[in-house]
Amino acid sequence: MTAPGPIVPQPGILEIAPYVPGKSKLDDAGPIIKLSSNETPLGPSPAAIEAFKIASGRLERYPDGSASELREAIGQAYGLNPERIVCGAGSDELLSLLAAAYLGPGDEAIYTEHGFLVYKIAIQTNGATPVVAPERDCQANADIIIDAVTDRTKAVFLANPNNPTGTYMSFDNVRRLRQAMPGHALLILDAAYAEYVKRNDYEAGIELVATTDNTVMTRTFSKVFGLASLRLGWAYCPEAVADVLNRIRGPFNVSEPAIAAGVAAIKDKSHMERAVAHNSEWLAWLTTEIEKLGLRVTPSVANFLLVHFPKQGGRTAADADLFLCDRRIVLRRLEAYGLPGALRLTVGTAEENKAVLAALGDFMAATGAGDQ
């Protein structure tokens, strides 16, 4: 009998770069202004908080494995068939389930150059080959994605709006992309920031899911609804895809407190509208004021901004990050996204937005930015 060898994971697993979230604290203790994770500054609906508290009195009970009340509430809010909605522990879980169900060795899946890091992880986890479609000016381009499609393409992951750039693809171009893709390939539209978008040529994906049998839209309660810590998301799918996901997801993959809070949150439309209005006001203000400092800002339709810094002269994104951290302000470094020259800034409260602008102004003045 031979000696047992070491436990070895599936091929390619150790080649995956783990996801590293944005900083949530600094080395020393004390309060910080955390604008690194695209969280809503208004927090969750008071109704959602109360529903969570009530549910906490039933923690010994298993949740409804089908999340039927939540699916009904989502369906009513968006005019969707609840039978075609699948809930998960954040949209991240649903993206991973879609990859597990439809990707394998020999397959290819496309995502864009600065797309959400979870896409590549999900693709590689299932032995498929990730294919990167370059972006133009930090924006996904339908023609470039179409050119990347081959006979081996089984999925395209498209964040719309995209994180971390804040840009979006118009619905006409999304529709054109869908039409150009082979029928055996899924178009997965990650619409985590859809509620924030105020553009006439944008559509989150509901229409395409309703009219095709190979498109899926994912959404989250982590952003505008303020339930990030509960890990709650949902997907609107063709019936066949919903059936597949329900076969492979965990039987109780969404907790009872998350279900209860999600139902209350989606019913509180006035709270969501306040969050969206706050974001629209301060997104525009931050964009204008930061550009006045001499920094370039990628136009955003989400709840964050991509701020670009010079590549040298003590004014780099890394220099700015250190300066801001000294002021106890935390933004998102973006080396992992291929954007080492930029920081991502989440829209915060009025006080936080004014504080980060003042700090950026001090940084630019201290580094002689007027000479650039």
Protein backbone atom coordinates (compact mmCIF):
# COMPACT_ATOMS: atom_id res chain seq x y z
CA MET A 1 0.00 0.00 0.00
CA THR A 2 1.44 3.33 -1.06
CA ALA A 3 1.62 6.26 1.30
CA PRO A 4 -1.25 8.71 0.83
CA GLY A 5 -0.33 11.83 -1.07
CA PRO A 6 -1.45 15.40 -0.35
CA ILE A 7 -5.03 16.46 -1.04
CA VAL A 8 -5.06 18.20 -4.41
CA PRO A 9 -7.81 20.53 -5.65
CA GLN A 10 -9.22 20.39 -9.15
CA PRO A 11 -6.94 21.63 -11.95
CA GLY A 12 -6.76 25.40 -12.17
CA ILE A 13 -8.15 26.15 -8.70
CA LEU A 14 -4.80 27.27 -7.30
CA GLU A 15 -4.40 29.63 -10.27
CA ILE A 16 -7.41 31.66 -9.13
CA ALA A 17 -6.60 35.00 -7.54
CA PRO A 18 -8.82 35.30 -4.43
CA TYR A 19 -11.25 38.18 -4.34
CA VAL A 20 -9.97 40.96 -2.09
CA PRO A 21 -12.62 43.45 -0.96
CA GLY A 22 -11.97 47.12 -0.38
CA LYS A 23 -10.50 48.22 2.92
CA SER A 24 -13.05 48.52 5.71
CA LYS A 25 -10.68 49.65 8.46
CA LEU A 26 -7.25 51.15 9.05
CA ASP A 27 -4.42 49.74 11.12
CA ASP A 28 -5.08 51.95 14.11
CA ALA A 29 -8.37 52.12 15.93
CA GLY A 30 -10.85 54.91 15.48
CA PRO A 31 -13.67 56.01 13.17
CA ILE A 32 -13.16 56.25 9.43
CA ILE A 33 -15.06 57.59 6.46
CA LYS A 34 -15.55 54.38 4.50
CA LEU A 35 -16.32 55.07 0.84
CA SER A 36 -14.76 51.92 -0.58
CA SER A 37 -17.63 49.45 -0.94
CA ASN A 38 -20.52 51.17 -2.77
CA GLU A 39 -22.79 51.00 0.27
CA THR A 40 -25.78 53.30 0.53
CA PRO A 41 -25.23 56.17 2.98
CA LEU A 42 -28.92 56.16 3.94
CA GLY A 43 -28.82 52.62 5.30
CA PRO A 44 -31.71 50.17 5.02
CA SER A 45 -35.39 50.98 5.34
CA PRO A 46 -36.56 51.24 8.96
CA ALA A 47 -39.22 48.71 8.00
CA ALA A 48 -36.49 46.27 6.92
CA ILE A 49 -34.67 46.75 10.22
CA GLU A 50 -37.85 46.04 12.16
CA ALA A 51 -38.61 42.95 10.06
CA PHE A 52 -35.07 41.70 10.71
CA LYS A 53 -35.51 42.17 14.46
CA ILE A 54 -38.78 40.25 14.47
CA ALA A 55 -37.23 37.41 12.46
CA SER A 56 -34.35 37.22 14.92
CA GLY A 57 -36.80 35.77 17.43
CA ARG A 58 -37.20 32.66 15.23
CA LEU A 59 -33.57 31.72 14.66
CA GLU A 60 -34.11 28.10 15.67
CA ARG A 61 -36.39 27.61 12.65
CA TYR A 62 -35.29 26.81 9.12
CA PRO A 63 -36.25 29.44 6.56
CA ASP A 64 -38.68 28.87 3.71
CA GLY A 65 -36.44 26.98 1.28
CA SER A 66 -38.12 28.53 -1.73
CA ALA A 67 -38.16 32.10 -0.38
CA SER A 68 -41.70 32.27 -1.72
CA GLU A 69 -42.74 35.46 0.12
CA LEU A 70 -39.66 37.28 -1.13
CA ARG A 71 -40.14 36.07 -4.71
CA GLU A 72 -43.76 37.21 -4.59
CA ALA A 73 -42.72 40.64 -3.32
CA ILE A 74 -40.07 41.00 -6.03
CA GLY A 75 -42.53 39.85 -8.66
CA GLN A 76 -45.10 42.38 -7.53
CA ALA A 77 -42.56 45.21 -7.42
CA TYR A 78 -41.26 44.60 -10.95
CA GLY A 79 -44.21 42.90 -12.63
CA LEU A 80 -42.47 39.53 -12.93
CA ASN A 81 -43.54 35.91 -12.67
CA PRO A 82 -42.28 34.70 -9.26
CA GLU A 83 -41.77 31.21 -10.67
CA ARG A 84 -38.96 32.59 -12.79
CA ILE A 85 -37.20 34.28 -9.85
CA VAL A 86 -34.43 32.50 -7.94
CA CYS A 87 -33.06 34.00 -4.72
CA GLY A 88 -29.55 33.59 -3.43
CA ALA A 89 -27.00 34.65 -0.86
CA GLY A 90 -26.18 37.81 -2.76
CA SER A 91 -26.02 37.97 -6.53
CA ASP A 92 -22.49 36.56 -6.17
CA GLU A 93 -23.92 33.15 -5.32
CA LEU A 94 -26.24 33.24 -8.30
CA LEU A 95 -23.40 34.16 -10.66
CA SER A 96 -21.42 31.20 -9.31
CA LEU A 97 -24.40 28.87 -9.66
CA LEU A 98 -24.90 29.94 -13.29
CA ALA A 99 -21.24 29.21 -14.00
CA ALA A 100 -21.47 25.83 -12.24
CA ALA A 101 -24.56 24.89 -14.22
CA TYR A 102 -23.45 25.94 -17.69
CA LEU A 103 -19.64 26.08 -17.83
CA GLY A 104 -17.02 23.37 -17.84
CA PRO A 105 -13.63 22.40 -19.25
CA GLY A 106 -13.34 23.32 -22.92
CA ASP A 107 -15.89 26.13 -22.65
CA GLU A 108 -15.17 29.84 -22.86
CA ALA A 109 -16.91 32.68 -21.06
CA ILE A 110 -16.44 36.37 -21.80
CA TYR A 111 -16.31 39.32 -19.44
CA THR A 112 -15.10 42.85 -20.07
CA GLU A 113 -11.70 44.28 -19.26
CA HIS A 114 -12.69 46.07 -16.06
CA GLY A 115 -15.62 43.84 -15.15
CA PHE A 116 -16.50 42.54 -11.69
CA LEU A 117 -13.74 40.22 -10.41
CA VAL A 118 -16.22 37.50 -9.40
CA TYR A 119 -16.86 36.66 -13.07
CA LYS A 120 -13.33 35.40 -13.67
CA ILE A 121 -13.35 33.48 -10.40
CA ALA A 122 -16.64 31.76 -11.27
CA ILE A 123 -15.41 30.87 -14.75
CA GLN A 124 -12.10 29.44 -13.56
CA THR A 125 -13.68 27.56 -10.67
CA ASN A 126 -15.59 25.44 -13.16
CA GLY A 127 -12.63 24.73 -15.43
CA ALA A 128 -13.75 27.03 -18.25
CA THR A 129 -11.51 29.55 -20.01
CA PRO A 130 -12.00 33.26 -19.21
CA VAL A 131 -11.90 35.55 -22.24
CA VAL A 132 -11.40 39.27 -21.67
CA ALA A 133 -13.08 41.73 -24.03
CA PRO A 134 -11.23 45.08 -24.01
CA GLU A 135 -13.20 48.20 -23.10
CA ARG A 136 -13.09 51.63 -24.72
CA ASP A 137 -12.68 54.53 -22.31
CA CYS A 138 -13.72 52.26 -19.43
CA GLN A 139 -16.92 51.29 -21.22
CA ALA A 140 -18.05 47.88 -22.46
CA ASN A 141 -18.42 47.73 -26.23
CA ALA A 142 -20.89 45.40 -27.91
CA ASP A 143 -18.85 45.01 -31.10
CA ILE A 144 -15.69 44.06 -29.20
CA ILE A 145 -17.60 41.47 -27.19
CA ILE A 146 -19.19 40.07 -30.34
CA ASP A 147 -15.77 39.76 -31.96
CA ALA A 148 -14.62 37.69 -28.96
CA VAL A 149 -17.42 35.13 -29.34
CA THR A 150 -16.39 31.72 -30.69
CA ASP A 151 -18.04 28.32 -31.03
CA ARG A 152 -16.76 27.57 -27.52
CA THR A 153 -18.46 30.59 -25.94
CA LYS A 154 -21.07 29.42 -23.43
CA ALA A 155 -21.64 32.66 -21.50
CA VAL A 156 -21.08 36.40 -21.50
CA PHE A 157 -21.04 38.18 -18.15
CA LEU A 158 -21.96 41.85 -18.53
CA ALA A 159 -22.19 44.19 -15.56
CA ASN A 160 -24.58 46.93 -16.59
CA PRO A 161 -23.85 49.43 -15.08
CA ASN A 162 -20.31 48.23 -14.62
CA ASN A 163 -18.39 48.16 -11.37
CA PRO A 164 -15.88 49.81 -10.89
CA THR A 165 -16.24 52.17 -13.87
CA GLY A 166 -19.86 53.30 -13.42
CA THR A 167 -20.45 53.20 -17.18
CA TYR A 168 -23.29 51.39 -18.94
CA MET A 169 -24.27 49.87 -22.27
CA SER A 170 -27.44 51.13 -23.93
CA PHE A 171 -30.29 48.67 -24.30
CA ASP A 172 -30.11 48.78 -28.09
CA ASN A 173 -26.51 47.59 -27.90
CA VAL A 174 -27.33 44.93 -25.31
CA ARG A 175 -30.08 43.67 -27.59
CA ARG A 176 -27.70 43.66 -30.55
CA LEU A 177 -25.19 41.70 -28.49
CA ARG A 178 -27.82 39.14 -27.61
CA GLN A 179 -28.83 38.72 -31.24
CA ALA A 180 -25.22 38.19 -32.32
CA MET A 181 -24.51 35.53 -29.71
CA PRO A 182 -25.12 31.83 -30.41
CA GLY A 183 -28.30 30.35 -29.00
CA HIS A 184 -26.41 27.95 -26.75
CA ALA A 185 -24.67 30.81 -24.90
CA LEU A 186 -26.11 32.60 -21.89
CA LEU A 187 -26.07 36.37 -21.67
CA ILE A 188 -25.84 37.13 -17.94
CA LEU A 189 -26.78 40.74 -17.18
CA ASP A 190 -25.56 41.79 -13.75
CA ALA A 191 -27.75 44.77 -12.90
CA ALA A 192 -26.65 45.35 -9.31
CA TYR A 193 -26.84 49.14 -9.69
CA ALA A 194 -29.91 49.34 -11.94
CA GLU A 195 -32.04 51.28 -9.47
CA TYR A 196 -29.64 54.22 -9.62
CA VAL A 197 -29.69 54.65 -13.40
CA LYS A 198 -31.59 57.61 -14.81
CA ARG A 199 -31.07 57.23 -18.56
CA ASN A 200 -33.76 56.80 -21.22
CA ASP A 201 -31.66 54.32 -23.21
CA TYR A 202 -31.05 51.94 -20.28
CA GLU A 203 -32.94 48.75 -19.46
CA ALA A 204 -31.80 46.35 -16.76
CA GLY A 205 -32.59 43.21 -18.73
CA ILE A 206 -36.16 42.30 -17.86
CA GLU A 207 -37.34 42.61 -21.46
CA LEU A 208 -34.62 40.35 -22.83
CA VAL A 209 -35.24 37.70 -20.19
CA ALA A 210 -38.94 37.83 -21.01
CA THR A 211 -38.42 37.50 -24.75
CA THR A 212 -35.48 35.07 -25.04
CA ASP A 213 -34.68 31.69 -23.52
CA ASN A 214 -30.96 32.33 -23.00
CA THR A 215 -30.71 35.57 -21.00
CA VAL A 216 -30.53 35.96 -17.21
CA MET A 217 -30.64 39.14 -15.14
CA THR A 218 -29.21 39.26 -11.63
CA ARG A 219 -30.00 41.89 -8.99
CA THR A 220 -29.00 42.58 -5.40
CA PHE A 221 -30.33 43.98 -2.14
CA SER A 222 -26.80 45.06 -1.15
CA LYS A 223 -26.77 48.46 -2.83
CA VAL A 224 -29.77 50.79 -2.90
CA PHE A 225 -31.69 48.65 -0.38
CA GLY A 226 -28.84 48.71 2.13
CA LEU A 227 -28.85 45.02 3.10
CA ALA A 228 -25.25 44.17 2.18
CA SER A 229 -24.50 42.31 5.42
CA LEU A 230 -27.47 39.97 4.92
CA ARG A 231 -26.19 38.70 1.52
CA LEU A 232 -29.37 38.74 -0.51
CA GLY A 233 -29.80 38.70 -4.29
CA TRP A 234 -32.10 37.40 -6.98
CA ALA A 235 -32.09 36.32 -10.59
CA TYR A 236 -34.84 36.60 -13.19
CA CYS A 237 -34.49 33.67 -15.55
CA PRO A 238 -36.11 31.71 -18.33
CA GLU A 239 -38.16 28.89 -16.80
CA ALA A 240 -35.63 26.24 -17.81
CA VAL A 241 -32.74 28.15 -16.24
CA ALA A 242 -34.69 28.76 -13.02
CA ASP A 243 -35.37 25.03 -12.86
CA VAL A 244 -31.66 24.26 -13.23
CA LEU A 245 -30.61 26.77 -10.54
CA ASN A 246 -33.20 25.42 -8.12
CA ARG A 247 -31.77 21.93 -8.59
CA ILE A 248 -28.23 22.92 -7.59
CA ARG A 249 -28.61 25.73 -5.05
CA GLY A 250 -28.52 24.97 -1.35
CA PRO A 251 -31.92 23.99 0.04
CA PHE A 252 -31.89 26.89 2.54
CA ASN A 253 -29.51 29.27 0.81
CA VAL A 254 -31.31 32.42 2.00
CA SER A 255 -31.81 33.04 5.71
CA GLU A 256 -35.15 33.91 7.30
CA PRO A 257 -33.96 37.34 8.56
CA ALA A 258 -32.73 38.15 5.05
CA ILE A 259 -36.04 37.11 3.51
CA ALA A 260 -38.03 39.18 6.01
CA ALA A 261 -35.82 42.26 5.58
CA GLY A 262 -35.87 41.90 1.80
CA VAL A 263 -39.66 41.79 1.66
CA ALA A 264 -39.95 44.89 3.83
CA ALA A 265 -37.21 46.73 1.92
CA ILE A 266 -38.68 46.20 -1.52
CA LYS A 267 -42.11 47.31 -0.32
CA ASP A 268 -40.74 50.58 1.09
CA LYS A 269 -40.58 52.46 -2.19
CA SER A 270 -40.29 55.88 -0.58
CA HIS A 271 -37.06 54.92 1.20
CA MET A 272 -35.55 53.64 -2.06
CA GLU A 273 -36.62 56.82 -3.86
CA ARG A 274 -34.91 58.94 -1.19
CA ALA A 275 -31.73 56.90 -1.60
CA VAL A 276 -31.81 57.34 -5.38
CA ALA A 277 -32.52 61.09 -5.11
CA HIS A 278 -29.66 61.54 -2.65
CA ASN A 279 -27.33 59.68 -4.98
CA SER A 280 -28.35 61.67 -8.05
CA GLU A 281 -27.73 64.96 -6.27
CA TRP A 282 -24.34 64.10 -4.80
CA LEU A 283 -23.05 62.07 -7.75
CA ALA A 284 -23.41 65.17 -9.93
CA TRP A 285 -21.93 67.44 -7.24
CA LEU A 286 -18.90 65.23 -6.65
CA THR A 287 -18.26 64.86 -10.37
CA THR A 288 -18.29 68.62 -10.95
CA GLU A 289 -16.28 69.54 -7.88
CA ILE A 290 -13.61 66.85 -8.33
CA GLU A 291 -13.11 67.85 -11.95
CA LYS A 292 -12.57 71.43 -10.77
CA LEU A 293 -9.54 70.10 -8.87
CA GLY A 294 -7.96 69.02 -12.15
CA LEU A 295 -8.78 65.31 -11.82
CA ARG A 296 -10.52 63.30 -14.52
CA VAL A 297 -13.74 61.51 -13.56
CA THR A 298 -15.34 58.78 -15.68
CA PRO A 299 -19.04 59.67 -16.14
CA SER A 300 -21.03 57.36 -13.86
CA VAL A 301 -24.68 56.28 -13.63
CA ALA A 302 -24.18 54.24 -10.45
CA ASN A 303 -23.51 55.23 -6.82
CA PHE A 304 -19.77 55.68 -7.20
CA LEU A 305 -17.18 57.51 -9.26
CA LEU A 306 -13.96 56.39 -10.93
CA VAL A 307 -11.42 59.14 -10.21
CA HIS A 308 -8.24 59.13 -12.31
CA PHE A 309 -4.91 60.45 -11.03
CA PRO A 310 -1.66 61.39 -12.81
CA LYS A 311 0.86 58.59 -13.22
CA GLN A 312 3.79 60.37 -11.63
CA GLY A 313 5.00 63.37 -9.66
CA GLY A 314 3.72 62.33 -6.26
CA ARG A 315 0.12 62.62 -7.45
CA THR A 316 -0.60 58.98 -8.30
CA ALA A 317 -3.62 57.02 -7.12
CA ALA A 318 -1.39 55.20 -4.63
CA ASP A 319 -0.14 58.56 -3.30
CA ALA A 320 -3.70 59.82 -3.02
CA ASP A 321 -4.76 56.67 -1.19
CA LEU A 322 -2.03 57.12 1.42
CA PHE A 323 -2.90 60.80 1.83
CA LEU A 324 -6.61 60.06 2.25
CA CYS A 325 -5.96 57.22 4.71
CA ASP A 326 -3.97 59.69 6.82
CA ARG A 327 -7.18 61.72 6.88
CA ARG A 328 -9.06 58.51 7.82
CA ILE A 329 -10.87 58.41 4.48
CA VAL A 330 -10.90 55.04 2.70
CA LEU A 331 -11.53 54.69 -1.04
CA ARG A 332 -11.10 51.59 -3.24
CA ARG A 333 -7.73 50.78 -4.81
CA LEU A 334 -8.19 49.24 -8.25
CA GLU A 335 -4.97 47.45 -9.23
CA ALA A 336 -6.87 44.15 -9.34
CA TYR A 337 -9.23 45.66 -11.91
CA GLY A 338 -6.41 46.81 -14.18
CA LEU A 339 -6.89 50.42 -13.11
CA PRO A 340 -3.85 51.27 -10.98
CA GLY A 341 -4.18 54.96 -11.83
CA ALA A 342 -7.65 55.37 -10.37
CA LEU A 343 -9.55 55.20 -7.10
CA ARG A 344 -13.24 54.37 -6.76
CA LEU A 345 -15.23 56.76 -4.61
CA THR A 346 -18.64 55.76 -3.25
CA VAL A 347 -21.21 58.52 -2.82
CA GLY A 348 -21.57 59.04 0.93
CA THR A 349 -23.50 61.31 3.22
CA ALA A 350 -23.39 65.06 2.62
CA GLU A 351 -20.75 65.42 5.34
CA GLU A 352 -18.65 62.55 3.97
CA ASN A 353 -18.80 63.89 0.43
CA LYS A 354 -17.65 67.33 1.56
CA ALA A 355 -14.88 65.80 3.65
CA VAL A 356 -13.47 63.71 0.80
CA LEU A 357 -13.62 66.67 -1.58
CA ALA A 358 -11.74 68.85 0.91
CA ALA A 359 -9.12 66.12 1.38
CA LEU A 360 -8.67 65.69 -2.36
CA GLY A 361 -8.27 69.43 -2.69
CA ASP A 362 -5.58 69.42 -0.01
CA PHE A 363 -3.85 66.49 -1.74
CA MET A 364 -3.77 68.25 -5.09
CA ALA A 365 -2.50 71.46 -3.52
CA ALA A 366 0.16 69.65 -1.50
CA THR A 367 1.50 67.83 -4.57
CA GLY A 368 1.60 70.88 -6.82
CA ALA A 369 -1.20 69.67 -9.05
CA GLY A 370 -1.52 73.05 -10.64
CA ASP A 371 1.73 72.38 -12.53
CA GLN A 372 0.31 69.47 -14.53
